């Protein structure tokens, strides 16, 4: 064999060995950066503690620290998202118990309402889903006098005529005025009502408004 042939064979063997070596050596995987744990959305619940024709008391609870928002609207109205509720509704911060009890005194008897509520984590803002609880103030009349609505300058009340009664009298009077006449002429509730009360023969709901006194 010629010297040139031997050199060529040696070069080819070296190249083949290098190729085989590359195939046999696995490529190292690039190091993956650790993934951050996803921020889980908080979860809320509500408990209706008391409900009548004019008011409701309820407790909102959350599984995470943060704040809450709520709104009570007629059942025909909608709130679209938890973000909207925090903008349009009433909001506040939870205490250490992550619970808040709320009393709302502006309901009206004989109606259907929706109680919307939601909670969120603060840093960063992470909202729960928007929750909705139905509230009904449709109750049968079980008392002779039932309040239907109370505001700072008005009251609505229903009188259910007692079975067997032919008529009844009713009125709203300033308590201080009644005390004045009581001290002046010794009137009682019955005598005051007999003298100034309004008479009716059917079960009805009455609305009464008054002007706020300036001080």
N, C-alpha and C. Protein backbone atom coordinates (compact mmCIF):
# COMPACT_ATOMS: atom_id res chain seq x y z
N UNK A 1 0.84 -1.18 0.00
CA UNK A 1 0.00 0.00 0.00
C UNK A 1 0.88 1.24 0.00
N UNK A 2 0.33 2.26 -0.69
CA UNK A 2 1.11 3.50 -0.73
C UNK A 2 0.88 4.27 0.55
N UNK A 3 1.79 5.08 0.84
CA UNK A 3 1.70 5.90 2.04
C UNK A 3 0.50 6.83 1.98
N UNK A 4 0.20 7.35 0.74
CA UNK A 4 -0.93 8.26 0.59
C UNK A 4 -2.22 7.53 0.89
N UNK A 5 -2.36 6.28 0.46
CA UNK A 5 -3.58 5.50 0.70
C UNK A 5 -3.80 5.27 2.19
N UNK A 6 -2.74 4.95 2.92
CA UNK A 6 -2.84 4.72 4.36
C UNK A 6 -3.31 5.98 5.07
N UNK A 7 -2.82 7.15 4.67
CA UNK A 7 -3.21 8.42 5.30
C UNK A 7 -4.70 8.69 5.08
N UNK A 8 -5.16 8.39 3.83
CA UNK A 8 -6.58 8.63 3.52
C UNK A 8 -7.47 7.72 4.35
N UNK A 9 -7.12 6.46 4.49
CA UNK A 9 -7.91 5.54 5.28
C UNK A 9 -7.95 5.97 6.74
N UNK A 10 -6.85 6.49 7.25
CA UNK A 10 -6.82 6.96 8.64
C UNK A 10 -7.75 8.14 8.85
N UNK A 11 -7.80 9.06 7.87
CA UNK A 11 -8.68 10.23 7.98
C UNK A 11 -10.13 9.82 7.96
N UNK A 12 -10.48 8.87 7.04
CA UNK A 12 -11.87 8.41 6.96
C UNK A 12 -12.29 7.73 8.25
N UNK A 13 -11.43 6.93 8.86
CA UNK A 13 -11.75 6.25 10.11
C UNK A 13 -11.97 7.27 11.23
N UNK A 14 -11.16 8.31 11.27
CA UNK A 14 -11.30 9.33 12.31
C UNK A 14 -12.62 10.08 12.18
N UNK A 15 -13.02 10.38 10.88
CA UNK A 15 -14.29 11.09 10.65
C UNK A 15 -15.45 10.22 11.07
N UNK A 16 -15.41 8.90 10.70
CA UNK A 16 -16.49 7.98 11.05
C UNK A 16 -16.62 7.86 12.56
N UNK A 17 -15.51 7.79 13.26
CA UNK A 17 -15.55 7.68 14.71
C UNK A 17 -16.17 8.92 15.35
N UNK A 18 -15.82 10.08 14.77
CA UNK A 18 -16.36 11.33 15.30
C UNK A 18 -17.87 11.39 15.11
N UNK A 19 -18.36 10.92 13.93
CA UNK A 19 -19.80 10.93 13.67
C UNK A 19 -20.52 10.00 14.62
N UNK A 20 -19.98 8.79 14.83
CA UNK A 20 -20.58 7.84 15.75
C UNK A 20 -20.59 8.38 17.17
N UNK A 21 -19.52 9.04 17.51
CA UNK A 21 -19.45 9.58 18.86
C UNK A 21 -20.53 10.63 19.09
N UNK A 22 -20.80 11.48 18.05
CA UNK A 22 -21.85 12.51 18.18
C UNK A 22 -23.22 11.87 18.33
N UNK A 23 -23.48 10.80 17.60
CA UNK A 23 -24.78 10.14 17.68
C UNK A 23 -25.00 9.47 19.03
N UNK A 24 -23.93 8.98 19.61
CA UNK A 24 -24.07 8.25 20.85
C UNK A 24 -24.16 9.17 22.07
N UNK A 25 -23.71 10.43 21.94
CA UNK A 25 -23.71 11.35 23.07
C UNK A 25 -25.01 12.14 23.07
N UNK A 26 -25.92 11.95 24.04
CA UNK A 26 -27.19 12.68 24.06
C UNK A 26 -26.97 14.15 24.35
N UNK A 27 -27.79 14.97 23.71
CA UNK A 27 -27.73 16.41 23.95
C UNK A 27 -28.32 16.72 25.33
N UNK A 28 -27.70 17.62 26.06
CA UNK A 28 -28.20 18.00 27.36
C UNK A 28 -29.42 18.91 27.22
N UNK A 29 -30.49 18.60 27.99
CA UNK A 29 -31.68 19.46 27.98
C UNK A 29 -31.36 20.80 28.63
N UNK A 30 -31.84 21.88 28.03
CA UNK A 30 -31.63 23.18 28.67
C UNK A 30 -32.36 23.22 30.01
N UNK A 31 -31.79 23.89 30.96
CA UNK A 31 -32.39 23.96 32.29
C UNK A 31 -33.68 24.79 32.24
N UNK A 32 -34.79 24.19 32.72
CA UNK A 32 -36.07 24.90 32.75
C UNK A 32 -36.14 25.76 34.01
N UNK A 33 -36.61 27.00 33.81
CA UNK A 33 -36.78 27.88 34.95
C UNK A 33 -37.96 27.40 35.79
N UNK A 34 -37.87 27.46 37.09
CA UNK A 34 -38.99 27.00 37.95
C UNK A 34 -40.24 27.82 37.69
N UNK A 35 -41.38 27.13 37.55
CA UNK A 35 -42.64 27.80 37.27
C UNK A 35 -43.25 28.29 38.57
N UNK A 36 -43.80 29.52 38.52
CA UNK A 36 -44.48 30.07 39.69
C UNK A 36 -45.84 29.40 39.85
N UNK A 37 -46.22 29.17 41.09
CA UNK A 37 -47.53 28.59 41.35
C UNK A 37 -48.62 29.56 40.90
N UNK A 38 -49.64 29.08 40.19
CA UNK A 38 -50.71 29.97 39.76
C UNK A 38 -51.48 30.50 40.96
N UNK A 39 -51.96 31.76 40.84
CA UNK A 39 -52.73 32.39 41.92
C UNK A 39 -54.16 31.88 41.83
N UNK A 40 -54.60 31.21 42.85
CA UNK A 40 -55.96 30.66 42.84
C UNK A 40 -56.96 31.73 43.24
N UNK A 41 -58.11 31.70 42.61
CA UNK A 41 -59.16 32.67 42.91
C UNK A 41 -59.79 32.35 44.27
N UNK A 42 -60.14 33.36 45.05
CA UNK A 42 -60.79 33.11 46.34
C UNK A 42 -62.21 32.58 46.14
N UNK A 43 -62.72 31.95 47.17
CA UNK A 43 -64.06 31.38 47.14
C UNK A 43 -64.88 32.01 48.25
N UNK A 44 -66.13 32.37 47.96
CA UNK A 44 -67.00 33.04 48.93
C UNK A 44 -68.28 32.23 49.14
N UNK A 45 -68.95 32.52 50.25
CA UNK A 45 -70.26 31.93 50.52
C UNK A 45 -71.07 32.95 51.30
N UNK A 46 -72.39 32.75 51.32
CA UNK A 46 -73.26 33.66 52.06
C UNK A 46 -74.27 32.85 52.86
N UNK A 47 -74.64 33.37 54.02
CA UNK A 47 -75.67 32.77 54.86
C UNK A 47 -76.70 33.83 55.20
N UNK A 48 -77.97 33.55 54.90
CA UNK A 48 -79.04 34.47 55.25
C UNK A 48 -79.43 34.21 56.71
N UNK A 49 -79.18 35.18 57.58
CA UNK A 49 -79.44 35.01 59.00
C UNK A 49 -80.86 35.38 59.39
N UNK A 50 -81.41 36.39 58.75
CA UNK A 50 -82.77 36.83 59.07
C UNK A 50 -83.34 37.56 57.86
N UNK A 51 -84.64 37.39 57.64
CA UNK A 51 -85.29 38.03 56.50
C UNK A 51 -86.74 38.30 56.82
N UNK A 52 -87.18 39.54 56.62
CA UNK A 52 -88.59 39.85 56.72
C UNK A 52 -88.95 40.79 55.57
N UNK A 53 -90.10 41.44 55.67
CA UNK A 53 -90.56 42.24 54.54
C UNK A 53 -89.72 43.48 54.29
N UNK A 54 -89.05 44.00 55.29
CA UNK A 54 -88.34 45.26 55.12
C UNK A 54 -86.83 45.16 55.31
N UNK A 55 -86.31 44.04 55.79
CA UNK A 55 -84.88 43.97 56.06
C UNK A 55 -84.35 42.55 55.91
N UNK A 56 -83.04 42.46 55.70
CA UNK A 56 -82.36 41.18 55.64
C UNK A 56 -81.01 41.31 56.33
N UNK A 57 -80.63 40.27 57.05
CA UNK A 57 -79.29 40.20 57.65
C UNK A 57 -78.60 38.97 57.08
N UNK A 58 -77.38 39.15 56.59
CA UNK A 58 -76.65 38.04 55.98
C UNK A 58 -75.17 38.14 56.32
N UNK A 59 -74.48 37.00 56.19
CA UNK A 59 -73.05 36.92 56.48
C UNK A 59 -72.30 36.46 55.23
N UNK A 60 -71.30 37.24 54.80
CA UNK A 60 -70.43 36.86 53.69
C UNK A 60 -69.14 36.30 54.27
N UNK A 61 -68.70 35.14 53.77
CA UNK A 61 -67.47 34.50 54.23
C UNK A 61 -66.54 34.26 53.04
N UNK A 62 -65.24 34.31 53.29
CA UNK A 62 -64.25 34.05 52.25
C UNK A 62 -63.21 33.07 52.76
N UNK A 63 -62.62 32.30 51.85
CA UNK A 63 -61.56 31.38 52.25
C UNK A 63 -60.19 32.04 52.23
N UNK A 64 -60.13 33.35 51.90
CA UNK A 64 -58.85 34.06 51.81
C UNK A 64 -58.99 35.46 52.39
N UNK A 65 -57.91 36.03 52.94
CA UNK A 65 -57.96 37.43 53.38
C UNK A 65 -58.19 38.34 52.17
N UNK A 66 -58.75 39.50 52.41
CA UNK A 66 -58.98 40.44 51.33
C UNK A 66 -60.18 41.31 51.62
N UNK A 67 -60.93 41.66 50.58
CA UNK A 67 -62.12 42.47 50.79
C UNK A 67 -63.31 41.85 50.08
N UNK A 68 -64.47 42.48 50.25
CA UNK A 68 -65.73 41.93 49.74
C UNK A 68 -66.55 43.05 49.12
N UNK A 69 -67.54 42.67 48.32
CA UNK A 69 -68.49 43.63 47.76
C UNK A 69 -69.85 42.95 47.64
N UNK A 70 -70.91 43.76 47.75
CA UNK A 70 -72.26 43.20 47.66
C UNK A 70 -73.23 44.27 47.16
N UNK A 71 -74.37 43.82 46.68
CA UNK A 71 -75.44 44.72 46.25
C UNK A 71 -76.74 43.93 46.25
N UNK A 72 -77.83 44.59 46.62
CA UNK A 72 -79.16 44.00 46.53
C UNK A 72 -79.96 44.82 45.53
N UNK A 73 -80.42 44.17 44.48
CA UNK A 73 -81.15 44.86 43.41
C UNK A 73 -82.43 44.08 43.11
N UNK A 74 -83.41 44.73 42.48
CA UNK A 74 -84.60 43.98 42.05
C UNK A 74 -84.20 42.80 41.17
N UNK A 75 -84.96 41.73 41.25
CA UNK A 75 -84.60 40.49 40.54
C UNK A 75 -84.52 40.68 39.04
N UNK A 76 -85.14 41.73 38.52
CA UNK A 76 -85.11 41.98 37.07
C UNK A 76 -83.82 42.65 36.62
N UNK A 77 -83.00 43.12 37.56
CA UNK A 77 -81.74 43.79 37.22
C UNK A 77 -80.57 42.81 37.35
N UNK A 78 -79.52 43.06 36.55
CA UNK A 78 -78.36 42.16 36.54
C UNK A 78 -77.07 42.93 36.80
N UNK A 79 -76.12 42.28 37.44
CA UNK A 79 -74.74 42.75 37.55
C UNK A 79 -73.89 41.70 36.83
N UNK A 80 -72.97 42.15 35.99
CA UNK A 80 -72.33 41.24 35.03
C UNK A 80 -71.07 40.55 35.55
N UNK A 81 -70.33 41.16 36.46
CA UNK A 81 -69.06 40.55 36.86
C UNK A 81 -68.69 41.00 38.27
N UNK A 82 -67.75 40.26 38.86
CA UNK A 82 -67.26 40.64 40.18
C UNK A 82 -66.58 42.01 40.14
N UNK A 83 -65.86 42.30 39.04
CA UNK A 83 -65.22 43.60 38.90
C UNK A 83 -66.25 44.72 38.90
N UNK A 84 -67.36 44.52 38.19
CA UNK A 84 -68.42 45.52 38.17
C UNK A 84 -69.03 45.71 39.57
N UNK A 85 -69.18 44.60 40.29
CA UNK A 85 -69.77 44.68 41.63
C UNK A 85 -68.89 45.51 42.55
N UNK A 86 -67.56 45.37 42.46
CA UNK A 86 -66.68 46.16 43.31
C UNK A 86 -66.71 47.64 42.93
N UNK A 87 -67.13 47.94 41.71
CA UNK A 87 -67.26 49.34 41.27
C UNK A 87 -68.61 49.92 41.65
N UNK A 88 -69.68 49.14 41.46
CA UNK A 88 -71.04 49.65 41.62
C UNK A 88 -71.64 49.36 43.00
N UNK A 89 -71.17 48.33 43.68
CA UNK A 89 -71.80 47.91 44.92
C UNK A 89 -71.16 48.53 46.15
N UNK A 90 -71.47 47.94 47.30
CA UNK A 90 -70.90 48.35 48.58
C UNK A 90 -69.76 47.40 48.93
N UNK A 91 -68.60 47.94 49.29
CA UNK A 91 -67.43 47.09 49.54
C UNK A 91 -66.80 47.43 50.88
N UNK A 92 -65.95 46.54 51.35
CA UNK A 92 -65.25 46.74 52.61
C UNK A 92 -64.22 45.66 52.82
N UNK A 93 -63.38 45.83 53.84
CA UNK A 93 -62.33 44.87 54.15
C UNK A 93 -62.82 43.85 55.17
N UNK A 94 -62.40 42.61 55.00
CA UNK A 94 -62.66 41.58 56.01
C UNK A 94 -61.79 41.82 57.24
N UNK A 95 -62.28 41.38 58.39
CA UNK A 95 -61.45 41.34 59.58
C UNK A 95 -60.68 40.03 59.61
N UNK A 96 -60.14 39.72 60.76
CA UNK A 96 -59.32 38.52 60.90
C UNK A 96 -60.11 37.24 60.70
N UNK A 97 -61.44 37.30 60.92
CA UNK A 97 -62.26 36.09 60.79
C UNK A 97 -62.64 35.79 59.35
N UNK A 98 -62.38 36.75 58.44
CA UNK A 98 -62.75 36.60 57.03
C UNK A 98 -64.26 36.41 56.86
N UNK A 99 -65.01 37.04 57.78
CA UNK A 99 -66.47 37.03 57.71
C UNK A 99 -66.98 38.43 58.01
N UNK A 100 -68.14 38.77 57.45
CA UNK A 100 -68.75 40.05 57.74
C UNK A 100 -70.26 39.88 57.77
N UNK A 101 -70.91 40.39 58.82
CA UNK A 101 -72.37 40.35 58.92
C UNK A 101 -72.93 41.71 58.52
N UNK A 102 -73.93 41.70 57.66
CA UNK A 102 -74.49 42.93 57.10
C UNK A 102 -76.00 42.92 57.28
N UNK A 103 -76.56 44.06 57.69
CA UNK A 103 -78.02 44.23 57.77
C UNK A 103 -78.43 45.31 56.80
N UNK A 104 -79.41 45.00 55.97
CA UNK A 104 -79.92 45.93 54.95
C UNK A 104 -81.39 46.16 55.23
N UNK A 105 -81.77 47.44 55.43
CA UNK A 105 -83.11 47.77 55.89
C UNK A 105 -83.97 48.46 54.83
N UNK A 106 -83.66 48.29 53.56
CA UNK A 106 -84.39 49.02 52.54
C UNK A 106 -85.15 48.10 51.58
N UNK A 107 -85.54 46.95 52.06
CA UNK A 107 -86.39 46.07 51.27
C UNK A 107 -87.83 46.55 51.34
N UNK A 108 -88.64 46.05 50.42
CA UNK A 108 -90.06 46.36 50.40
C UNK A 108 -90.84 45.06 50.28
N UNK A 109 -91.89 44.93 51.08
CA UNK A 109 -92.66 43.70 51.09
C UNK A 109 -93.28 43.36 49.75
N UNK A 110 -93.41 42.05 49.50
CA UNK A 110 -94.07 41.60 48.28
C UNK A 110 -93.22 41.69 47.03
N UNK A 111 -91.89 41.64 47.16
CA UNK A 111 -91.00 41.78 46.01
C UNK A 111 -89.95 40.67 45.98
N UNK A 112 -89.32 40.54 44.81
CA UNK A 112 -88.22 39.59 44.61
C UNK A 112 -86.94 40.38 44.38
N UNK A 113 -85.85 39.95 45.02
CA UNK A 113 -84.56 40.65 44.92
C UNK A 113 -83.45 39.64 44.61
N UNK A 114 -82.33 40.19 44.11
CA UNK A 114 -81.11 39.40 43.94
C UNK A 114 -80.02 40.00 44.82
N UNK A 115 -79.40 39.16 45.63
CA UNK A 115 -78.25 39.56 46.43
C UNK A 115 -76.99 39.10 45.70
N UNK A 116 -76.22 40.06 45.16
CA UNK A 116 -74.96 39.75 44.50
C UNK A 116 -73.82 39.95 45.51
N UNK A 117 -72.83 39.06 45.47
CA UNK A 117 -71.68 39.22 46.34
C UNK A 117 -70.45 38.59 45.70
N UNK A 118 -69.28 39.09 46.08
CA UNK A 118 -68.01 38.59 45.56
C UNK A 118 -66.92 38.99 46.54
N UNK A 119 -65.76 38.33 46.44
CA UNK A 119 -64.60 38.67 47.26
C UNK A 119 -63.38 38.72 46.35
N UNK A 120 -62.28 39.27 46.88
CA UNK A 120 -61.04 39.30 46.10
C UNK A 120 -59.82 39.33 47.01
N UNK A 121 -58.72 38.82 46.47
CA UNK A 121 -57.43 38.96 47.12
C UNK A 121 -56.84 40.31 46.70
N UNK A 122 -56.00 40.87 47.56
CA UNK A 122 -55.56 42.25 47.34
C UNK A 122 -54.31 42.35 46.47
N UNK A 123 -53.28 41.53 46.72
CA UNK A 123 -52.00 41.74 46.05
C UNK A 123 -51.49 40.47 45.39
N UNK A 124 -51.69 40.31 44.07
CA UNK A 124 -52.41 41.24 43.19
C UNK A 124 -53.92 41.02 43.30
N UNK A 125 -54.73 41.95 42.74
CA UNK A 125 -56.17 41.79 42.75
C UNK A 125 -56.55 40.50 42.02
N UNK A 126 -57.18 39.59 42.74
CA UNK A 126 -57.65 38.33 42.17
C UNK A 126 -59.09 38.14 42.62
N UNK A 127 -60.03 38.16 41.68
CA UNK A 127 -61.45 38.17 42.00
C UNK A 127 -62.02 36.75 42.06
N UNK A 128 -62.97 36.58 42.95
CA UNK A 128 -63.75 35.35 42.95
C UNK A 128 -64.75 35.41 41.81
N UNK A 129 -65.50 34.36 41.65
CA UNK A 129 -66.61 34.45 40.71
C UNK A 129 -67.70 35.33 41.32
N UNK A 130 -68.63 35.76 40.50
CA UNK A 130 -69.75 36.57 40.98
C UNK A 130 -70.85 35.63 41.43
N UNK A 131 -71.26 35.77 42.69
CA UNK A 131 -72.30 34.92 43.26
C UNK A 131 -73.62 35.68 43.32
N UNK A 132 -74.72 34.93 43.31
CA UNK A 132 -76.04 35.55 43.38
C UNK A 132 -76.97 34.67 44.20
N UNK A 133 -77.68 35.30 45.14
CA UNK A 133 -78.64 34.61 45.99
C UNK A 133 -79.99 35.31 45.85
N UNK A 134 -81.04 34.55 45.63
CA UNK A 134 -82.37 35.14 45.48
C UNK A 134 -83.00 35.40 46.84
N UNK A 135 -83.64 36.56 46.97
CA UNK A 135 -84.32 36.96 48.20
C UNK A 135 -85.76 37.32 47.86
N UNK A 136 -86.69 36.78 48.62
CA UNK A 136 -88.11 37.07 48.40
C UNK A 136 -88.71 37.64 49.67
N UNK A 137 -89.44 38.76 49.52
CA UNK A 137 -90.16 39.34 50.66
C UNK A 137 -91.66 39.12 50.50
N UNK A 138 -92.02 38.09 49.76
CA UNK A 138 -93.43 37.73 49.60
C UNK A 138 -93.80 36.79 50.75
N UNK A 139 -94.47 37.32 51.73
CA UNK A 139 -94.90 36.55 52.89
C UNK A 139 -96.40 36.73 53.09
N UNK A 140 -97.09 35.73 53.57
CA UNK A 140 -98.52 35.92 53.89
C UNK A 140 -98.67 36.86 55.08
N UNK A 141 -99.77 37.59 55.10
CA UNK A 141 -100.03 38.50 56.21
C UNK A 141 -100.56 37.68 57.40
N UNK A 142 -99.78 37.64 58.46
CA UNK A 142 -100.17 36.87 59.64
C UNK A 142 -100.49 37.78 60.83
N UNK A 143 -100.23 39.08 60.71
CA UNK A 143 -100.53 40.03 61.77
C UNK A 143 -101.53 41.06 61.24
N UNK A 144 -102.19 41.74 62.15
CA UNK A 144 -103.12 42.78 61.73
C UNK A 144 -102.38 43.94 61.07
N UNK A 145 -101.22 44.32 61.61
CA UNK A 145 -100.42 45.41 61.05
C UNK A 145 -99.05 44.87 60.66
N UNK A 146 -98.66 45.10 59.40
CA UNK A 146 -97.38 44.63 58.90
C UNK A 146 -96.67 45.78 58.19
N UNK A 147 -95.44 46.08 58.58
CA UNK A 147 -94.66 47.09 57.88
C UNK A 147 -94.23 46.56 56.52
N UNK A 148 -94.41 47.38 55.50
CA UNK A 148 -94.00 46.99 54.15
C UNK A 148 -92.71 47.68 53.72
N UNK A 149 -92.51 48.92 54.19
CA UNK A 149 -91.31 49.67 53.81
C UNK A 149 -91.12 50.81 54.79
N UNK A 150 -89.87 51.06 55.17
CA UNK A 150 -89.57 52.14 56.10
C UNK A 150 -88.35 52.90 55.57
N UNK A 151 -88.48 54.23 55.42
CA UNK A 151 -87.36 55.09 55.06
C UNK A 151 -87.28 56.22 56.07
N UNK A 152 -86.37 57.16 55.83
CA UNK A 152 -86.20 58.25 56.78
C UNK A 152 -87.37 59.23 56.76
N UNK A 153 -88.16 59.24 55.69
CA UNK A 153 -89.29 60.19 55.66
C UNK A 153 -90.59 59.56 55.17
N UNK A 154 -90.67 58.23 55.20
CA UNK A 154 -91.90 57.59 54.74
C UNK A 154 -92.03 56.20 55.36
N UNK A 155 -93.26 55.74 55.42
CA UNK A 155 -93.52 54.39 55.88
C UNK A 155 -94.70 53.84 55.10
N UNK A 156 -94.63 52.57 54.80
CA UNK A 156 -95.73 51.88 54.13
C UNK A 156 -96.12 50.71 55.03
N UNK A 157 -97.42 50.60 55.33
CA UNK A 157 -97.86 49.53 56.22
C UNK A 157 -99.17 48.92 55.71
N UNK A 158 -99.33 47.65 55.99
CA UNK A 158 -100.52 46.91 55.56
C UNK A 158 -101.36 46.56 56.77
N UNK A 159 -102.68 46.77 56.65
CA UNK A 159 -103.61 46.37 57.70
C UNK A 159 -104.50 45.26 57.15
N UNK A 160 -104.44 44.13 57.79
CA UNK A 160 -105.28 42.99 57.44
C UNK A 160 -106.49 43.01 58.38
N UNK A 161 -107.65 43.26 57.82
CA UNK A 161 -108.85 43.38 58.65
C UNK A 161 -109.12 42.07 59.37
N UNK A 162 -109.27 42.13 60.67
CA UNK A 162 -109.55 40.90 61.43
C UNK A 162 -110.85 40.25 60.97
N UNK A 163 -110.83 38.93 60.98
CA UNK A 163 -112.03 38.20 60.58
C UNK A 163 -113.21 38.56 61.49
N UNK A 164 -114.34 38.89 60.89
CA UNK A 164 -115.54 39.24 61.64
C UNK A 164 -115.68 40.71 61.93
N UNK A 165 -114.59 41.51 61.76
CA UNK A 165 -114.67 42.94 62.03
C UNK A 165 -115.35 43.65 60.86
N UNK A 166 -116.18 44.65 61.16
CA UNK A 166 -116.85 45.41 60.11
C UNK A 166 -115.97 46.55 59.60
N UNK A 167 -115.15 47.11 60.46
CA UNK A 167 -114.30 48.24 60.08
C UNK A 167 -113.17 48.37 61.10
N UNK A 168 -112.23 49.25 60.81
CA UNK A 168 -111.13 49.52 61.74
C UNK A 168 -110.68 50.97 61.56
N UNK A 169 -109.94 51.47 62.53
CA UNK A 169 -109.37 52.81 62.46
C UNK A 169 -107.84 52.71 62.54
N UNK A 170 -107.19 53.64 61.86
CA UNK A 170 -105.72 53.64 61.89
C UNK A 170 -105.22 55.08 61.73
N UNK A 171 -104.00 55.32 62.18
CA UNK A 171 -103.38 56.64 62.02
C UNK A 171 -101.91 56.55 62.42
N UNK A 172 -101.14 57.52 61.95
CA UNK A 172 -99.76 57.70 62.39
C UNK A 172 -99.68 59.09 63.00
N UNK A 173 -99.12 59.19 64.17
CA UNK A 173 -99.05 60.46 64.87
C UNK A 173 -97.66 60.66 65.44
N UNK A 174 -97.20 61.89 65.44
CA UNK A 174 -95.93 62.22 66.08
C UNK A 174 -96.02 61.88 67.57
N UNK A 175 -95.08 61.11 68.05
CA UNK A 175 -95.16 60.64 69.44
C UNK A 175 -95.15 61.80 70.42
N UNK A 176 -94.40 62.85 70.12
CA UNK A 176 -94.36 64.01 71.02
C UNK A 176 -95.71 64.74 71.04
N UNK A 177 -96.39 64.76 69.88
CA UNK A 177 -97.72 65.36 69.85
C UNK A 177 -98.68 64.57 70.74
N UNK A 178 -98.61 63.26 70.67
CA UNK A 178 -99.48 62.43 71.50
C UNK A 178 -99.20 62.69 72.98
N UNK A 179 -97.91 62.77 73.34
CA UNK A 179 -97.57 63.03 74.74
C UNK A 179 -98.08 64.39 75.20
N UNK A 180 -98.08 65.36 74.29
CA UNK A 180 -98.58 66.70 74.64
C UNK A 180 -100.07 66.63 74.99
N UNK A 181 -100.87 65.98 74.11
CA UNK A 181 -102.31 65.88 74.37
C UNK A 181 -102.58 64.99 75.59
N UNK A 182 -101.76 64.01 75.78
CA UNK A 182 -101.94 63.15 76.95
C UNK A 182 -101.74 63.94 78.24
N UNK A 183 -100.73 64.79 78.25
CA UNK A 183 -100.48 65.61 79.44
C UNK A 183 -101.54 66.70 79.59
N UNK A 184 -102.06 67.17 78.43
CA UNK A 184 -103.01 68.29 78.47
C UNK A 184 -104.41 67.86 78.89
N UNK A 185 -104.91 66.78 78.27
CA UNK A 185 -106.29 66.39 78.55
C UNK A 185 -106.41 64.92 78.94
N UNK A 186 -105.29 64.24 79.09
CA UNK A 186 -105.35 62.87 79.57
C UNK A 186 -105.86 61.86 78.56
N UNK A 187 -105.59 62.06 77.25
CA UNK A 187 -106.07 61.12 76.24
C UNK A 187 -105.33 59.79 76.36
N UNK A 188 -105.96 58.73 75.89
CA UNK A 188 -105.34 57.42 75.77
C UNK A 188 -105.17 57.10 74.29
N UNK A 189 -104.50 56.01 73.99
CA UNK A 189 -104.36 55.61 72.59
C UNK A 189 -105.73 55.39 71.95
N UNK A 190 -106.63 54.73 72.67
CA UNK A 190 -107.96 54.44 72.12
C UNK A 190 -108.76 55.72 71.87
N UNK A 191 -108.74 56.63 72.83
CA UNK A 191 -109.52 57.86 72.66
C UNK A 191 -108.93 58.74 71.56
N UNK A 192 -107.59 58.77 71.47
CA UNK A 192 -106.93 59.56 70.42
C UNK A 192 -107.28 58.99 69.05
N UNK A 193 -107.23 57.67 68.93
CA UNK A 193 -107.54 57.02 67.66
C UNK A 193 -109.01 57.21 67.30
N UNK A 194 -109.90 57.13 68.28
CA UNK A 194 -111.33 57.32 68.01
C UNK A 194 -111.62 58.73 67.52
N UNK A 195 -110.87 59.70 68.03
CA UNK A 195 -111.12 61.10 67.66
C UNK A 195 -110.49 61.48 66.32
N UNK A 196 -109.28 60.99 66.04
CA UNK A 196 -108.54 61.47 64.87
C UNK A 196 -108.23 60.38 63.84
N UNK A 197 -108.48 59.11 64.15
CA UNK A 197 -108.10 58.03 63.24
C UNK A 197 -108.95 57.97 61.98
N UNK A 198 -108.39 57.35 60.94
CA UNK A 198 -109.08 57.14 59.67
C UNK A 198 -109.76 55.78 59.70
N UNK A 199 -110.94 55.71 59.12
CA UNK A 199 -111.72 54.47 59.14
C UNK A 199 -111.66 53.79 57.78
N UNK A 200 -111.59 52.46 57.79
CA UNK A 200 -111.64 51.69 56.54
C UNK A 200 -112.29 50.35 56.81
N UNK A 201 -112.79 49.73 55.72
CA UNK A 201 -113.53 48.47 55.86
C UNK A 201 -112.85 47.29 55.17
N UNK A 202 -111.76 47.55 54.42
CA UNK A 202 -111.10 46.48 53.67
C UNK A 202 -109.62 46.40 54.07
N UNK A 203 -109.04 45.22 53.86
CA UNK A 203 -107.60 45.06 54.07
C UNK A 203 -106.86 45.87 53.00
N UNK A 204 -105.92 46.71 53.43
CA UNK A 204 -105.23 47.61 52.49
C UNK A 204 -103.80 47.88 52.96
N UNK A 205 -103.01 48.41 52.00
CA UNK A 205 -101.67 48.90 52.29
C UNK A 205 -101.70 50.43 52.20
N UNK A 206 -101.17 51.10 53.20
CA UNK A 206 -101.22 52.56 53.28
C UNK A 206 -99.80 53.13 53.24
N UNK A 207 -99.66 54.25 52.54
CA UNK A 207 -98.37 54.95 52.45
C UNK A 207 -98.47 56.29 53.18
N UNK A 208 -97.46 56.58 53.97
CA UNK A 208 -97.48 57.82 54.75
C UNK A 208 -96.10 58.47 54.64
N UNK A 209 -96.07 59.76 54.32
CA UNK A 209 -94.82 60.53 54.24
C UNK A 209 -94.89 61.72 55.16
N UNK A 210 -93.72 62.17 55.62
CA UNK A 210 -93.67 63.37 56.44
C UNK A 210 -92.44 64.18 56.07
N UNK A 211 -92.48 65.45 56.41
CA UNK A 211 -91.39 66.37 56.11
C UNK A 211 -90.39 66.34 57.25
N UNK A 212 -89.12 66.21 56.89
CA UNK A 212 -88.09 66.23 57.93
C UNK A 212 -88.03 67.58 58.61
N UNK A 213 -87.98 67.57 59.91
CA UNK A 213 -87.89 68.82 60.67
C UNK A 213 -86.47 69.34 60.63
N UNK A 214 -86.35 70.64 60.38
CA UNK A 214 -85.02 71.24 60.37
C UNK A 214 -84.63 71.62 61.79
N UNK A 215 -83.35 71.49 62.12
CA UNK A 215 -82.89 71.80 63.47
C UNK A 215 -81.93 72.98 63.44
